[in-house]
PDB file of N, CA and C in Angstrom:
ATOM      1  N   MET A   1       8.271  12.698  -3.855  1.00  0.00           N
ATOM      2  CA  MET A   1       7.690  12.419  -5.190  1.00  0.00           C
ATOM      3  C   MET A   1       9.242  11.479  -5.819  1.00  0.00           C
ATOM      4  N   PRO A   2       9.037  10.370  -6.517  1.00  0.00           N
ATOM      5  CA  PRO A   2      10.438   9.381  -7.199  1.00  0.00           C
ATOM      6  C   PRO A   2      10.942  10.576  -8.251  1.00  0.00           C
ATOM      7  N   THR A   3      12.217  10.387  -8.358  1.00  0.00           N
ATOM      8  CA  THR A   3      13.064  10.685  -9.198  1.00  0.00           C
ATOM      9  C   THR A   3      12.804  10.320 -11.012  1.00  0.00           C
ATOM     10  N   LYS A   4      13.122  10.731 -11.539  1.00  0.00           N
ATOM     11  CA  LYS A   4      13.110  10.489 -13.215  1.00  0.00           C
ATOM     12  C   LYS A   4      14.303   9.078 -13.106  1.00  0.00           C
ATOM     13  N   SER A   5      15.239   8.976 -12.550  1.00  0.00           N
ATOM     14  CA  SER A   5      16.044   7.800 -12.476  1.00  0.00           C
ATOM     15  C   SER A   5      15.331   6.584 -11.833  1.00  0.00           C
ATOM     16  N   ASP A   6      14.654   6.821 -10.499  1.00  0.00           N
ATOM     17  CA  ASP A   6      13.832   5.644  -9.945  1.00  0.00           C
ATOM     18  C   ASP A   6      12.734   5.247 -10.754  1.00  0.00           C
ATOM     19  N   ILE A   7      12.087   6.373 -11.583  1.00  0.00           N
ATOM     20  CA  ILE A   7      10.924   5.549 -12.363  1.00  0.00           C
ATOM     21  C   ILE A   7      11.560   4.670 -13.492  1.00  0.00           C
ATOM     22  N   GLU A   8      12.746   5.295 -14.199  1.00  0.00           N
ATOM     23  CA  GLU A   8      13.225   4.691 -15.155  1.00  0.00           C
ATOM     24  C   GLU A   8      13.939   3.142 -14.534  1.00  0.00           C
ATOM     25  N   TYR A   9      14.348   3.085 -13.365  1.00  0.00           N
ATOM     26  CA  TYR A   9      14.687   1.655 -12.743  1.00  0.00           C
ATOM     27  C   TYR A   9      13.186   0.903 -12.344  1.00  0.00           C
ATOM     28  N   GLN A  10      12.468   1.142 -12.006  1.00  0.00           N
ATOM     29  CA  GLN A  10      11.217   0.653 -11.582  1.00  0.00           C
ATOM     30  C   GLN A  10      10.718  -0.064 -13.027  1.00  0.00           C
ATOM     31  N   ILE A  11      10.777   0.946 -14.250  1.00  0.00           N
ATOM     32  CA  ILE A  11      10.056   0.685 -15.361  1.00  0.00           C
ATOM     33  C   ILE A  11      11.344  -0.785 -15.996  1.00  0.00           C
ATOM     34  N   LYS A  12      12.574  -0.403 -15.602  1.00  0.00           N
ATOM     35  CA  LYS A  12      13.392  -1.730 -16.306  1.00  0.00           C
ATOM     36  C   LYS A  12      13.409  -2.889 -15.470  1.00  0.00           C
ATOM     37  N   GLU A  13      13.193  -2.683 -13.976  1.00  0.00           N
ATOM     38  CA  GLU A  13      12.920  -3.825 -13.111  1.00  0.00           C
ATOM     39  C   GLU A  13      11.526  -4.893 -13.684  1.00  0.00           C
ATOM     40  N   LEU A  14      10.501  -3.951 -13.858  1.00  0.00           N
ATOM     41  CA  LEU A  14       9.025  -4.364 -14.394  1.00  0.00           C
ATOM     42  C   LEU A  14       9.041  -5.334 -15.438  1.00  0.00           C
ATOM     43  N   LYS A  15       9.970  -4.590 -16.541  1.00  0.00           N
ATOM     44  CA  LYS A  15       9.781  -4.997 -18.093  1.00  0.00           C
ATOM     45  C   LYS A  15      10.694  -6.371 -17.742  1.00  0.00           C
ATOM     46  N   MET A  16      12.022  -6.665 -16.945  1.00  0.00           N
ATOM     47  CA  MET A  16      12.669  -7.807 -16.642  1.00  0.00           C
ATOM     48  C   MET A  16      11.501  -8.934 -16.206  1.00  0.00           C
ATOM     49  N   ASP A  17      10.889  -8.563 -15.172  1.00  0.00           N
ATOM     50  CA  ASP A  17       9.884  -9.657 -14.426  1.00  0.00           C
ATOM     51  C   ASP A  17       8.938  -9.888 -15.548  1.00  0.00           C
ATOM     52  N   TYR A  18       8.479  -9.127 -16.259  1.00  0.00           N
ATOM     53  CA  TYR A  18       7.404  -9.383 -17.545  1.00  0.00           C
ATOM     54  C   TYR A  18       7.969 -10.411 -18.094  1.00  0.00           C
ATOM     55  N   MET A  19       9.066 -10.135 -18.949  1.00  0.00           N
ATOM     56  CA  MET A  19       9.612 -11.223 -19.574  1.00  0.00           C
ATOM     57  C   MET A  19       9.698 -12.614 -19.211  1.00  0.00           C
ATOM     58  N   ASN A  20      10.500 -12.553 -17.892  1.00  0.00           N
ATOM     59  CA  ASN A  20      10.320 -13.936 -17.209  1.00  0.00           C
ATOM     60  C   ASN A  20       9.359 -14.650 -16.861  1.00  0.00           C
ATOM     61  N   LEU A  21       7.960 -14.008 -16.261  1.00  0.00           N
ATOM     62  CA  LEU A  21       6.601 -14.394 -16.514  1.00  0.00           C
ATOM     63  C   LEU A  21       6.441 -14.367 -17.451  1.00  0.00           C
ATOM     64  N   GLN A  22       6.706 -14.243 -18.677  1.00  0.00           N
ATOM     65  CA  GLN A  22       6.173 -14.757 -20.058  1.00  0.00           C
ATOM     66  C   GLN A  22       6.870 -15.909 -20.128  1.00  0.00           C
ATOM     67  N   GLY A  23       7.981 -16.024 -20.185  1.00  0.00           N
ATOM     68  CA  GLY A  23       8.849 -17.674 -20.082  1.00  0.00           C
ATOM     69  C   GLY A  23       8.144 -18.827 -19.547  1.00  0.00           C
ATOM     70  N   ASP A  24       7.790 -18.346 -17.720  1.00  0.00           N
ATOM     71  CA  ASP A  24       7.089 -19.192 -16.843  1.00  0.00           C
ATOM     72  C   ASP A  24       5.920 -19.713 -17.453  1.00  0.00           C
ATOM     73  N   ILE A  25       5.143 -18.408 -18.291  1.00  0.00           N
ATOM     74  CA  ILE A  25       3.914 -19.071 -18.619  1.00  0.00           C
ATOM     75  C   ILE A  25       3.664 -20.157 -20.172  1.00  0.00           C
ATOM     76  N   GLU A  26       4.580 -19.707 -20.752  1.00  0.00           N
ATOM     77  CA  GLU A  26       5.093 -20.687 -21.747  1.00  0.00           C
ATOM     78  C   GLU A  26       5.575 -22.451 -20.939  1.00  0.00           C
ATOM     79  N   LYS A  27       6.284 -22.196 -20.512  1.00  0.00           N
ATOM     80  CA  LYS A  27       6.536 -23.614 -19.510  1.00  0.00           C
ATOM     81  C   LYS A  27       5.196 -24.229 -19.080  1.00  0.00           C
ATOM     82  N   LEU A  28       4.490 -23.469 -18.440  1.00  0.00           N
ATOM     83  CA  LEU A  28       3.651 -23.893 -17.986  1.00  0.00           C
ATOM     84  C   LEU A  28       2.316 -24.267 -18.766  1.00  0.00           C
ATOM     85  N   GLU A  29       2.089 -23.521 -19.580  1.00  0.00           N
ATOM     86  CA  GLU A  29       1.359 -23.954 -20.724  1.00  0.00           C
ATOM     87  C   GLU A  29       1.722 -25.212 -21.614  1.00  0.00           C
ATOM     88  N   SER A  30       3.033 -25.622 -21.931  1.00  0.00           N
ATOM     89  CA  SER A  30       3.294 -26.986 -22.310  1.00  0.00           C
ATOM     90  C   SER A  30       3.355 -27.944 -21.534  1.00  0.00           C
ATOM     91  N   THR A  31       3.327 -27.734 -20.304  1.00  0.00           N
ATOM     92  CA  THR A  31       2.873 -28.916 -19.197  1.00  0.00           C
ATOM     93  C   THR A  31       1.633 -28.924 -18.831  1.00  0.00           C
ATOM     94  N   GLY A  32       0.555 -28.294 -19.284  1.00  0.00           N
ATOM     95  CA  GLY A  32      -1.186 -28.258 -18.832  1.00  0.00           C
ATOM     96  C   GLY A  32      -1.538 -28.100 -17.683  1.00  0.00           C
ATOM     97  N   HIS A  33      -0.522 -26.994 -17.173  1.00  0.00           N
ATOM     98  CA  HIS A  33      -1.163 -26.437 -15.776  1.00  0.00           C
ATOM     99  C   HIS A  33      -1.908 -24.868 -16.039  1.00  0.00           C
ATOM    100  N   ASN A  34      -2.955 -25.239 -16.405  1.00  0.00           N
ATOM    101  CA  ASN A  34      -3.798 -24.283 -17.274  1.00  0.00           C
ATOM    102  C   ASN A  34      -4.095 -23.265 -15.927  1.00  0.00           C
ATOM    103  N   ASP A  35      -4.467 -23.557 -14.659  1.00  0.00           N
ATOM    104  CA  ASP A  35      -5.056 -23.100 -13.960  1.00  0.00           C
ATOM    105  C   ASP A  35      -3.904 -21.920 -13.383  1.00  0.00           C
ATOM    106  N   GLN A  36      -2.935 -22.286 -13.282  1.00  0.00           N
ATOM    107  CA  GLN A  36      -1.556 -21.624 -13.035  1.00  0.00           C
ATOM    108  C   GLN A  36      -1.331 -20.461 -14.269  1.00  0.00           C
ATOM    109  N   VAL A  37      -1.526 -20.805 -15.687  1.00  0.00           N
ATOM    110  CA  VAL A  37      -1.332 -19.914 -16.416  1.00  0.00           C
ATOM    111  C   VAL A  37      -2.233 -18.601 -16.243  1.00  0.00           C
ATOM    112  N   THR A  38      -3.567 -19.062 -15.804  1.00  0.00           N
ATOM    113  CA  THR A  38      -4.676 -18.157 -15.963  1.00  0.00           C
ATOM    114  C   THR A  38      -4.138 -17.241 -14.634  1.00  0.00           C
ATOM    115  N   LYS A  39      -3.739 -17.468 -13.959  1.00  0.00           N
ATOM    116  CA  LYS A  39      -3.189 -16.683 -12.749  1.00  0.00           C
ATOM    117  C   LYS A  39      -2.009 -15.907 -13.018  1.00  0.00           C
ATOM    118  N   ALA A  40      -1.087 -16.133 -13.711  1.00  0.00           N
ATOM    119  CA  ALA A  40       0.263 -15.695 -14.051  1.00  0.00           C
ATOM    120  C   ALA A  40      -0.211 -14.682 -15.063  1.00  0.00           C
ATOM    121  N   GLU A  41      -1.208 -15.148 -16.194  1.00  0.00           N
ATOM    122  CA  GLU A  41      -1.879 -14.203 -16.831  1.00  0.00           C
ATOM    123  C   GLU A  41      -2.338 -12.804 -16.514  1.00  0.00           C
ATOM    124  N   GLU A  42      -3.486 -12.788 -15.576  1.00  0.00           N
ATOM    125  CA  GLU A  42      -3.565 -11.727 -14.396  1.00  0.00           C
ATOM    126  C   GLU A  42      -2.505 -10.792 -13.952  1.00  0.00           C
ATOM    127  N   ARG A  43      -1.084 -11.708 -13.349  1.00  0.00           N
ATOM    128  CA  ARG A  43      -0.051 -10.945 -13.069  1.00  0.00           C
ATOM    129  C   ARG A  43       0.446 -10.106 -14.222  1.00  0.00           C
ATOM    130  N   LEU A  44       0.612 -10.661 -15.341  1.00  0.00           N
ATOM    131  CA  LEU A  44       0.572  -9.945 -16.470  1.00  0.00           C
ATOM    132  C   LEU A  44       0.066  -8.330 -16.620  1.00  0.00           C
ATOM    133  N   ALA A  45      -1.362  -8.745 -16.655  1.00  0.00           N
ATOM    134  CA  ALA A  45      -2.303  -7.814 -17.025  1.00  0.00           C
ATOM    135  C   ALA A  45      -2.047  -6.498 -15.821  1.00  0.00           C
ATOM    136  N   ASN A  46      -1.475  -7.033 -14.347  1.00  0.00           N
ATOM    137  CA  ASN A  46      -1.354  -5.839 -13.390  1.00  0.00           C
ATOM    138  C   ASN A  46      -0.214  -5.407 -13.771  1.00  0.00           C
ATOM    139  N   MET A  47       0.842  -6.077 -14.312  1.00  0.00           N
ATOM    140  CA  MET A  47       1.861  -5.334 -14.574  1.00  0.00           C
ATOM    141  C   MET A  47       2.196  -4.280 -15.889  1.00  0.00           C
ATOM    142  N   GLU A  48       1.156  -4.969 -16.624  1.00  0.00           N
ATOM    143  CA  GLU A  48       1.044  -3.802 -17.909  1.00  0.00           C
ATOM    144  C   GLU A  48       0.206  -2.644 -17.294  1.00  0.00           C
ATOM    145  N   THR A  49      -0.645  -2.568 -16.436  1.00  0.00           N
ATOM    146  CA  THR A  49      -1.104  -1.464 -15.846  1.00  0.00           C
ATOM    147  C   THR A  49       0.081  -0.884 -15.161  1.00  0.00           C
ATOM    148  N   LYS A  50       1.036  -1.133 -14.255  1.00  0.00           N
ATOM    149  CA  LYS A  50       1.659  -0.488 -13.600  1.00  0.00           C
ATOM    150  C   LYS A  50       2.521   0.220 -14.512  1.00  0.00           C
ATOM    151  N   LEU A  51       3.193  -0.644 -15.505  1.00  0.00           N
ATOM    152  CA  LEU A  51       4.006   0.093 -16.411  1.00  0.00           C
ATOM    153  C   LEU A  51       3.194   1.203 -17.315  1.00  0.00           C
ATOM    154  N   ALA A  52       2.158   1.358 -17.595  1.00  0.00           N
ATOM    155  CA  ALA A  52       1.156   2.332 -17.994  1.00  0.00           C
ATOM    156  C   ALA A  52       1.563   3.735 -16.984  1.00  0.00           C
ATOM    157  N   GLU A  53       1.454   3.186 -15.671  1.00  0.00           N
ATOM    158  CA  GLU A  53       1.330   4.291 -14.643  1.00  0.00           C
ATOM    159  C   GLU A  53       2.715   4.937 -14.765  1.00  0.00           C
ATOM    160  N   LEU A  54       3.680   3.891 -14.461  1.00  0.00           N
ATOM    161  CA  LEU A  54       5.106   4.551 -14.447  1.00  0.00           C
ATOM    162  C   LEU A  54       5.409   5.363 -15.776  1.00  0.00           C
ATOM    163  N   ASN A  55       4.959   4.780 -16.922  1.00  0.00           N
ATOM    164  CA  ASN A  55       5.364   6.008 -18.067  1.00  0.00           C
ATOM    165  C   ASN A  55       4.716   7.186 -18.269  1.00  0.00           C
ATOM    166  N   LYS A  56       3.383   6.800 -17.662  1.00  0.00           N
ATOM    167  CA  LYS A  56       2.861   8.631 -17.630  1.00  0.00           C
ATOM    168  C   LYS A  56       3.701   9.357 -16.375  1.00  0.00           C
ATOM    169  N   GLN A  57       4.041   8.591 -15.194  1.00  0.00           N
ATOM    170  CA  GLN A  57       4.893   9.328 -14.291  1.00  0.00           C
ATOM    171  C   GLN A  57       6.051  10.090 -15.050  1.00  0.00           C
ATOM    172  N   LEU A  58       6.250   8.948 -15.893  1.00  0.00           N
ATOM    173  CA  LEU A  58       7.712   9.524 -16.210  1.00  0.00           C
ATOM    174  C   LEU A  58       7.550  10.476 -17.212  1.00  0.00           C
ATOM    175  N   ALA A  59       6.748  10.706 -18.160  1.00  0.00           N
ATOM    176  CA  ALA A  59       6.403  11.486 -18.836  1.00  0.00           C
ATOM    177  C   ALA A  59       5.802  12.929 -18.588  1.00  0.00           C
ATOM    178  N   ALA A  60       5.443  12.749 -17.150  1.00  0.00           N
ATOM    179  CA  ALA A  60       4.951  14.144 -16.614  1.00  0.00           C
ATOM    180  C   ALA A  60       6.068  14.798 -16.159  1.00  0.00           C
ATOM    181  N   LEU A  61       7.245  14.475 -15.932  1.00  0.00           N
ATOM    182  CA  LEU A  61       8.518  14.876 -15.197  1.00  0.00           C
ATOM    183  C   LEU A  61       9.217  15.812 -16.258  1.00  0.00           C
TER     184      LEU A  61
END
Protein backbone atom coordinates (compact mmCIF):
# COMPACT_ATOMS: atom_id res chain seq x y z
CA MET A 1 0.00 0.00 0.00
CA PRO A 2 1.36 3.43 -0.91
CA THR A 3 2.33 5.78 1.87
CA LYS A 4 0.79 9.19 2.47
CA SER A 5 3.82 10.93 0.97
CA ASP A 6 3.67 8.67 -2.10
CA ILE A 7 0.05 9.59 -2.72
CA GLU A 8 0.70 13.29 -2.12
CA TYR A 9 3.56 13.16 -4.63
CA GLN A 10 1.35 11.44 -7.21
CA ILE A 11 -1.33 14.09 -6.70
CA LYS A 12 1.15 16.94 -7.17
CA GLU A 13 2.58 15.31 -10.28
CA LEU A 14 -0.88 14.70 -11.73
CA LYS A 15 -1.91 18.32 -11.07
CA MET A 16 1.18 19.60 -12.90
CA ASP A 17 0.46 17.31 -15.87
CA TYR A 18 -3.16 18.49 -15.82
CA MET A 19 -2.17 22.16 -15.95
CA ASN A 20 0.30 21.52 -18.77
CA LEU A 21 -2.34 19.65 -20.76
CA GLN A 22 -4.82 22.50 -20.28
CA GLY A 23 -2.26 24.89 -21.79
CA ASP A 24 -1.70 22.49 -24.68
CA ILE A 25 -5.44 22.35 -25.31
CA GLU A 26 -5.63 26.14 -25.49
CA LYS A 27 -2.84 26.15 -28.07
CA LEU A 28 -4.50 23.39 -30.08
CA GLU A 29 -7.84 25.21 -30.03
CA SER A 30 -6.26 28.43 -31.25
CA THR A 31 -4.62 26.63 -34.16
CA GLY A 32 -7.74 24.69 -35.17
CA HIS A 33 -6.67 21.15 -34.26
CA ASN A 34 -10.08 20.09 -32.97
CA ASP A 35 -9.49 16.34 -33.34
CA GLN A 36 -6.47 16.56 -31.04
CA VAL A 37 -8.43 18.77 -28.64
CA THR A 38 -11.01 16.03 -28.21
CA LYS A 39 -8.32 13.45 -27.40
CA ALA A 40 -6.67 15.83 -24.95
CA GLU A 41 -9.99 16.53 -23.24
CA GLU A 42 -10.48 12.78 -22.81
CA ARG A 43 -7.06 12.61 -21.17
CA LEU A 44 -8.13 15.44 -18.83
CA ALA A 45 -11.22 13.48 -17.85
CA ASN A 46 -9.09 10.41 -17.11
CA MET A 47 -6.74 12.54 -15.02
CA GLU A 48 -9.68 13.91 -13.05
CA THR A 49 -10.85 10.37 -12.30
CA LYS A 50 -7.36 9.34 -11.18
CA LEU A 51 -7.08 12.46 -9.02
CA ALA A 52 -10.39 11.64 -7.33
CA GLU A 53 -9.15 8.10 -6.63
CA LEU A 54 -5.90 9.38 -5.14
CA ASN A 55 -7.74 11.87 -2.94
CA LYS A 56 -9.98 9.04 -1.66
CA GLN A 57 -6.89 6.96 -0.86
CA LEU A 58 -5.33 9.91 0.93
CA ALA A 59 -8.48 10.53 2.96
CA ALA A 60 -8.61 6.87 3.97
CA LEU A 61 -5.15 7.02 5.55
